[in-house]
Amino acid sequence: MHSAIARTLRPLIKLLNIAIPQASDLSGVLAACTSLEVIVLQVDFLTQDGVLKIENNSVKFLQVTFPYEIDRIEVYVTCLDVLDIRFIKGKRENFIIAGPNIQVNKNAWVSDHGIHTPRLVYNVSSYLAQEKKIICREVLVSDFHDMRRDGSLSVTVDMTDPKEVEIVKEVLLMWATNKMIELEIFFKNKKAPKDEGECSTNNRAHKNLLEDAKPFPTATFRVYNVRLYNFDGSNEEEFAFASRLVTQKTVVRKMMIETTSFPPTKKLNAEAAVAKLMELPKGYKRLRIECF
């Protein structure tokens, strides 16, 4: 064991640079800490044999770094909002995650060239909107050069909720310029309620956030590839957001919009919206926009 930190203030456990004989040993430790909300693991297992199980209904933030391959990792978490994969040596089929808030569609931490890269999976929730200081910026960007992340991001967001949009902006700003490989955006089915007494100032702020001439999140931010899921062609906020990505030099290579899982009517609406996106003046002339 090189060094270890285990803390339970503000129910958190952090294990750094620690060697553990086998995965089941760590499973037992985590199973005993039922009230944890934040788990940070940077662990070497001395044997590949075994299964690491993380079962917890309180955890909202999980960060993992596993330099050596193990048989399987199983994560069962009902409240998880942030999954920060720094490094996992292994294939997607050996990483099982069951959490209603987390979307992991593929071997997300391995690039098309077989290179392991960091992946942040982020469900923007009311908990994070209220308690985002707990999931501190230092935890999310530590160990990255110049305190800026690289790798890719998967984010689930309601574009009709100004608080959630603002959090997405803050998360994107954690990346260094030209360092984001892929951005996956999962638009939520449930949209923010429009109460009769909703503050008009809040509405104006949200409108300005989407229609302001300033690039989102900044003029220098670039991402090579973007994938959009559950893109509703009739939703003004989602279309305005996608339009800005196209016209303001945010996306460099490709924007992919998933439509194959839609029912016929919704698919037609989405494809019509994609056709409109294709007609927009592109920030990068070689940018490809297509459905999948």
Protein backbone atom coordinates (compact mmCIF):
# COMPACT_ATOMS: atom_id res chain seq x y z
CA MET A 1 0.00 0.00 0.00
CA HIS A 2 1.48 3.30 -1.06
CA SER A 3 -0.94 5.75 0.44
CA ALA A 4 -4.58 5.86 1.30
CA ILE A 5 -7.10 8.41 2.37
CA ALA A 6 -10.43 7.33 3.80
CA ARG A 7 -12.78 10.09 4.89
CA THR A 8 -16.38 10.00 5.96
CA LEU A 9 -17.00 13.70 6.58
CA ARG A 10 -20.00 14.67 4.50
CA PRO A 11 -20.39 11.02 3.77
CA LEU A 12 -17.34 10.59 1.53
CA ILE A 13 -14.69 7.91 1.09
CA LYS A 14 -11.50 8.50 -0.87
CA LEU A 15 -8.96 5.72 -1.47
CA LEU A 16 -5.89 6.88 -3.42
CA ASN A 17 -2.84 4.91 -4.63
CA ILE A 18 -3.79 1.85 -2.65
CA ALA A 19 -3.07 -1.80 -3.48
CA ILE A 20 -5.76 -4.31 -2.50
CA PRO A 21 -5.35 -8.11 -2.72
CA GLN A 22 -8.61 -8.70 -4.58
CA ALA A 23 -11.74 -6.90 -5.66
CA SER A 24 -14.02 -8.63 -3.16
CA ASP A 25 -12.08 -7.03 -0.28
CA LEU A 26 -13.00 -3.56 -1.51
CA SER A 27 -16.58 -4.67 -2.15
CA GLY A 28 -16.87 -5.57 1.52
CA VAL A 29 -15.53 -2.22 2.70
CA LEU A 30 -17.93 -0.26 0.50
CA ALA A 31 -20.89 -2.45 1.46
CA ALA A 32 -20.34 -1.53 5.10
CA CYS A 33 -20.57 2.21 4.33
CA THR A 34 -24.26 2.46 3.49
CA SER A 35 -24.62 6.24 3.85
CA LEU A 36 -21.86 7.29 1.45
CA GLU A 37 -22.71 10.01 -1.07
CA VAL A 38 -19.25 10.42 -2.65
CA ILE A 39 -16.81 7.60 -3.54
CA VAL A 40 -13.36 8.26 -5.05
CA LEU A 41 -11.28 5.18 -5.89
CA GLN A 42 -7.75 4.97 -7.30
CA VAL A 43 -6.94 1.34 -6.64
CA ASP A 44 -4.60 -1.43 -7.85
CA PHE A 45 -5.83 -5.00 -7.42
CA LEU A 46 -3.07 -7.58 -6.93
CA THR A 47 -5.06 -10.23 -8.77
CA GLN A 48 -7.31 -9.98 -11.82
CA ASP A 49 -9.69 -12.61 -10.47
CA GLY A 50 -12.88 -11.47 -8.84
CA VAL A 51 -15.75 -9.01 -9.12
CA LEU A 52 -15.90 -5.53 -7.65
CA LYS A 53 -19.44 -4.75 -6.52
CA ILE A 54 -20.58 -1.28 -5.57
CA GLU A 55 -24.14 -1.44 -4.24
CA ASN A 56 -25.40 1.72 -2.59
CA ASN A 57 -28.64 3.68 -2.73
CA SER A 58 -27.09 6.89 -1.37
CA VAL A 59 -24.09 7.44 -3.65
CA LYS A 60 -24.45 10.43 -5.97
CA PHE A 61 -20.83 10.78 -7.13
CA LEU A 62 -18.46 7.95 -8.12
CA GLN A 63 -14.94 8.47 -9.47
CA VAL A 64 -12.90 5.41 -10.49
CA THR A 65 -9.31 4.78 -11.58
CA PHE A 66 -8.38 1.11 -12.07
CA PRO A 67 -5.01 0.77 -13.89
CA TYR A 68 -5.16 -3.03 -14.00
CA GLU A 69 -7.89 -5.20 -15.45
CA ILE A 70 -10.19 -7.28 -13.24
CA ASP A 71 -12.83 -9.82 -14.22
CA ARG A 72 -15.83 -7.56 -13.79
CA ILE A 73 -17.08 -4.36 -12.18
CA GLU A 74 -20.73 -4.16 -11.11
CA VAL A 75 -22.28 -0.87 -9.99
CA TYR A 76 -25.83 -0.81 -8.62
CA VAL A 77 -26.72 2.73 -7.61
CA THR A 78 -30.20 4.23 -7.66
CA CYS A 79 -29.21 7.85 -6.93
CA LEU A 80 -25.95 8.22 -8.87
CA ASP A 81 -25.74 11.50 -10.80
CA VAL A 82 -22.02 11.69 -11.61
CA LEU A 83 -19.79 8.86 -12.86
CA ASP A 84 -16.22 10.03 -13.41
CA ILE A 85 -14.20 7.34 -15.21
CA ARG A 86 -10.58 8.42 -15.05
CA PHE A 87 -9.18 5.12 -16.30
CA ILE A 88 -10.57 1.60 -16.56
CA LYS A 89 -8.55 -1.10 -18.25
CA GLY A 90 -11.26 -3.35 -19.55
CA LYS A 91 -14.14 -3.72 -21.98
CA ARG A 92 -17.66 -2.35 -21.71
CA GLU A 93 -19.19 -5.81 -21.31
CA ASN A 94 -17.17 -6.29 -18.12
CA PHE A 95 -18.50 -3.06 -16.64
CA ILE A 96 -22.10 -3.43 -15.51
CA ILE A 97 -23.90 -0.35 -14.26
CA ALA A 98 -27.51 -0.19 -13.13
CA GLY A 99 -28.57 3.34 -12.32
CA PRO A 100 -31.65 5.10 -13.69
CA ASN A 101 -29.90 8.48 -13.92
CA ILE A 102 -26.74 7.36 -15.74
CA GLN A 103 -26.48 6.81 -19.50
CA VAL A 104 -23.48 4.77 -20.68
CA ASN A 105 -24.13 3.55 -24.21
CA LYS A 106 -20.82 2.08 -25.28
CA ASN A 107 -17.18 1.44 -24.40
CA ALA A 108 -17.12 5.10 -23.49
CA TRP A 109 -13.63 5.28 -22.02
CA VAL A 110 -11.88 3.80 -25.08
CA SER A 111 -11.38 5.93 -28.20
CA ASP A 112 -11.87 4.72 -31.78
CA HIS A 113 -8.13 4.07 -31.87
CA GLY A 114 -8.18 1.85 -28.78
CA ILE A 115 -6.72 4.48 -26.45
CA HIS A 116 -8.14 4.71 -22.93
CA THR A 117 -9.42 8.22 -22.22
CA PRO A 118 -11.31 9.82 -19.32
CA ARG A 119 -15.09 9.95 -19.52
CA LEU A 120 -17.39 12.02 -17.31
CA VAL A 121 -21.03 10.91 -17.19
CA TYR A 122 -23.12 13.67 -15.65
CA ASN A 123 -26.84 13.73 -14.92
CA VAL A 124 -27.80 17.32 -14.16
CA SER A 125 -30.24 17.04 -11.26
CA SER A 126 -31.94 19.20 -8.67
CA TYR A 127 -29.54 17.73 -6.10
CA LEU A 128 -26.53 18.98 -8.04
CA ALA A 129 -28.19 22.34 -8.63
CA GLN A 130 -28.61 22.79 -4.89
CA GLU A 131 -25.49 21.02 -3.60
CA LYS A 132 -23.00 21.36 -6.45
CA LYS A 133 -20.28 22.68 -4.11
CA ILE A 134 -20.17 19.23 -2.51
CA ILE A 135 -19.16 17.67 -5.83
CA CYS A 136 -16.30 20.10 -5.83
CA ARG A 137 -14.50 21.30 -8.91
CA GLU A 138 -11.19 20.17 -7.38
CA VAL A 139 -12.36 16.54 -7.35
CA LEU A 140 -13.55 16.63 -10.95
CA VAL A 141 -10.44 18.27 -12.41
CA SER A 142 -7.68 17.06 -10.06
CA ASP A 143 -4.83 15.12 -11.74
CA PHE A 144 -5.49 16.87 -15.06
CA HIS A 145 -2.82 19.19 -16.47
CA ASP A 146 -3.43 22.86 -15.71
CA MET A 147 -6.61 21.87 -13.81
CA ARG A 148 -8.52 21.32 -17.05
CA ARG A 149 -10.06 18.03 -18.07
CA ASP A 150 -9.56 16.11 -21.29
CA GLY A 151 -11.43 13.12 -22.68
CA SER A 152 -15.19 13.03 -23.23
CA LEU A 153 -18.46 13.98 -21.57
CA SER A 154 -21.93 12.44 -21.47
CA VAL A 155 -24.52 14.78 -19.98
CA THR A 156 -28.26 14.39 -19.34
CA VAL A 157 -30.08 17.72 -19.19
CA ASP A 158 -33.45 19.45 -19.45
CA MET A 159 -32.80 22.37 -21.80
CA THR A 160 -36.01 24.08 -20.64
CA ASP A 161 -34.61 24.44 -17.12
CA PRO A 162 -32.26 27.46 -16.88
CA LYS A 163 -30.54 26.11 -13.75
CA GLU A 164 -29.66 22.88 -15.52
CA VAL A 165 -28.41 24.72 -18.62
CA GLU A 166 -26.16 26.86 -16.43
CA ILE A 167 -24.69 23.75 -14.79
CA VAL A 168 -23.97 22.26 -18.23
CA LYS A 169 -22.08 25.43 -19.10
CA GLU A 170 -20.00 25.16 -15.93
CA VAL A 171 -19.21 21.50 -16.63
CA LEU A 172 -18.12 22.25 -20.21
CA LEU A 173 -15.79 24.96 -18.92
CA MET A 174 -13.83 22.30 -17.02
CA TRP A 175 -12.36 21.20 -20.35
CA ALA A 176 -9.26 22.75 -21.87
CA THR A 177 -9.69 24.38 -25.27
CA ASN A 178 -9.73 21.79 -28.08
CA LYS A 179 -9.49 18.95 -25.56
CA MET A 180 -12.99 17.41 -25.63
CA ILE A 181 -13.06 14.33 -27.84
CA GLU A 182 -16.78 13.57 -27.74
CA LEU A 183 -19.86 15.17 -26.22
CA GLU A 184 -22.99 13.08 -25.74
CA ILE A 185 -26.16 14.95 -24.80
CA PHE A 186 -29.23 13.09 -23.56
CA PHE A 187 -32.23 15.40 -23.53
CA LYS A 188 -34.66 14.58 -20.75
CA ASN A 189 -38.21 13.48 -21.51
CA LYS A 190 -39.52 15.36 -18.52
CA LYS A 191 -39.35 19.09 -19.15
CA ALA A 192 -39.30 21.78 -16.47
CA PRO A 193 -42.85 22.78 -15.41
CA LYS A 194 -44.10 26.16 -16.53
CA ASP A 195 -45.91 27.50 -13.48
CA GLU A 196 -48.24 30.47 -13.91
CA GLY A 197 -46.31 32.37 -11.29
CA GLU A 198 -42.91 31.65 -12.78
CA CYS A 199 -40.66 34.69 -12.64
CA SER A 200 -40.49 36.55 -15.96
CA THR A 201 -36.92 37.55 -15.15
CA ASN A 202 -35.99 33.88 -15.02
CA ASN A 203 -37.62 33.33 -18.42
CA ARG A 204 -35.69 36.24 -19.94
CA ALA A 205 -32.43 34.94 -18.49
CA HIS A 206 -33.04 31.53 -20.03
CA LYS A 207 -33.99 33.03 -23.39
CA ASN A 208 -30.83 35.12 -23.39
CA LEU A 209 -28.72 32.09 -22.52
CA LEU A 210 -29.91 30.28 -25.65
CA GLU A 211 -30.23 33.21 -28.06
CA ASP A 212 -27.36 35.44 -26.96
CA ALA A 213 -24.79 36.09 -29.66
CA LYS A 214 -22.03 34.88 -27.35
CA PRO A 215 -20.92 31.29 -28.13
CA PHE A 216 -21.89 28.57 -25.67
CA PRO A 217 -20.00 28.00 -23.44
CA THR A 218 -17.17 30.20 -24.85
CA ALA A 219 -15.80 31.29 -28.22
CA THR A 220 -12.73 29.04 -27.84
CA PHE A 221 -14.45 25.82 -26.74
CA ARG A 222 -14.24 23.00 -29.30
CA VAL A 223 -15.45 19.40 -29.38
CA TYR A 224 -14.61 17.00 -32.20
CA ASN A 225 -17.81 14.94 -32.22
CA VAL A 226 -21.31 15.41 -30.75
CA ARG A 227 -24.09 12.85 -30.32
CA LEU A 228 -27.63 13.95 -29.46
CA TYR A 229 -30.18 11.56 -27.95
CA ASN A 230 -33.93 12.07 -27.51
CA PHE A 231 -33.69 15.22 -29.64
CA ASP A 232 -37.23 16.62 -29.94
CA GLY A 233 -37.55 18.47 -33.21
CA SER A 234 -40.44 20.56 -31.85
CA ASN A 235 -38.60 21.72 -28.72
CA GLU A 236 -37.38 25.29 -29.27
CA GLU A 237 -34.70 25.19 -26.57
CA GLU A 238 -33.16 21.95 -27.84
CA PHE A 239 -33.14 23.16 -31.44
CA ALA A 240 -31.66 26.54 -30.46
CA PHE A 241 -28.92 24.80 -28.50
CA ALA A 242 -28.08 22.42 -31.36
CA SER A 243 -28.07 25.36 -33.80
CA ARG A 244 -25.47 27.19 -31.75
CA LEU A 245 -23.23 24.14 -31.70
CA VAL A 246 -23.38 24.07 -35.51
CA THR A 247 -23.00 27.76 -36.34
CA GLN A 248 -20.57 28.96 -33.67
CA LYS A 249 -17.62 26.68 -34.45
CA THR A 250 -18.27 24.47 -31.44
CA VAL A 251 -18.36 21.11 -33.26
CA VAL A 252 -15.38 20.39 -35.48
CA ARG A 253 -16.06 17.08 -37.25
CA LYS A 254 -19.44 15.43 -36.81
CA MET A 255 -22.85 15.88 -35.19
CA MET A 256 -24.91 12.69 -34.93
CA ILE A 257 -28.60 12.73 -33.94
CA GLU A 258 -30.20 9.47 -32.79
CA THR A 259 -33.66 8.93 -34.31
CA THR A 260 -33.97 5.18 -34.92
CA SER A 261 -35.60 4.49 -31.54
CA PHE A 262 -38.38 7.08 -32.03
CA PRO A 263 -42.01 6.29 -32.89
CA PRO A 264 -42.95 7.38 -36.45
CA THR A 265 -44.35 10.85 -35.67
CA LYS A 266 -41.51 11.85 -33.37
CA LYS A 267 -38.98 10.48 -35.85
CA LEU A 268 -40.42 12.64 -38.64
CA ASN A 269 -40.28 15.73 -36.42
CA ALA A 270 -36.70 15.01 -35.43
CA GLU A 271 -35.56 14.34 -39.00
CA ALA A 272 -37.23 17.58 -40.16
CA ALA A 273 -35.31 19.46 -37.46
CA VAL A 274 -32.08 17.76 -38.53
CA ALA A 275 -32.73 18.88 -42.11
CA LYS A 276 -33.01 22.47 -40.83
CA LEU A 277 -29.74 22.08 -38.94
CA MET A 278 -28.08 20.95 -42.17
CA GLU A 279 -29.21 24.16 -43.89
CA LEU A 280 -27.59 26.41 -41.29
CA PRO A 281 -24.26 28.12 -42.05
CA LYS A 282 -21.66 25.87 -40.49
CA GLY A 283 -18.85 27.22 -38.36
CA TYR A 284 -16.70 24.49 -39.92
CA LYS A 285 -17.54 23.84 -43.57
CA ARG A 286 -16.55 20.16 -43.32
CA LEU A 287 -18.84 19.52 -40.36
CA ARG A 288 -21.08 16.52 -41.03
CA ILE A 289 -24.61 16.35 -39.62
CA GLU A 290 -26.50 13.06 -39.87
CA CYS A 291 -28.98 10.75 -38.16
CA PHE A 292 -28.22 7.33 -36.79
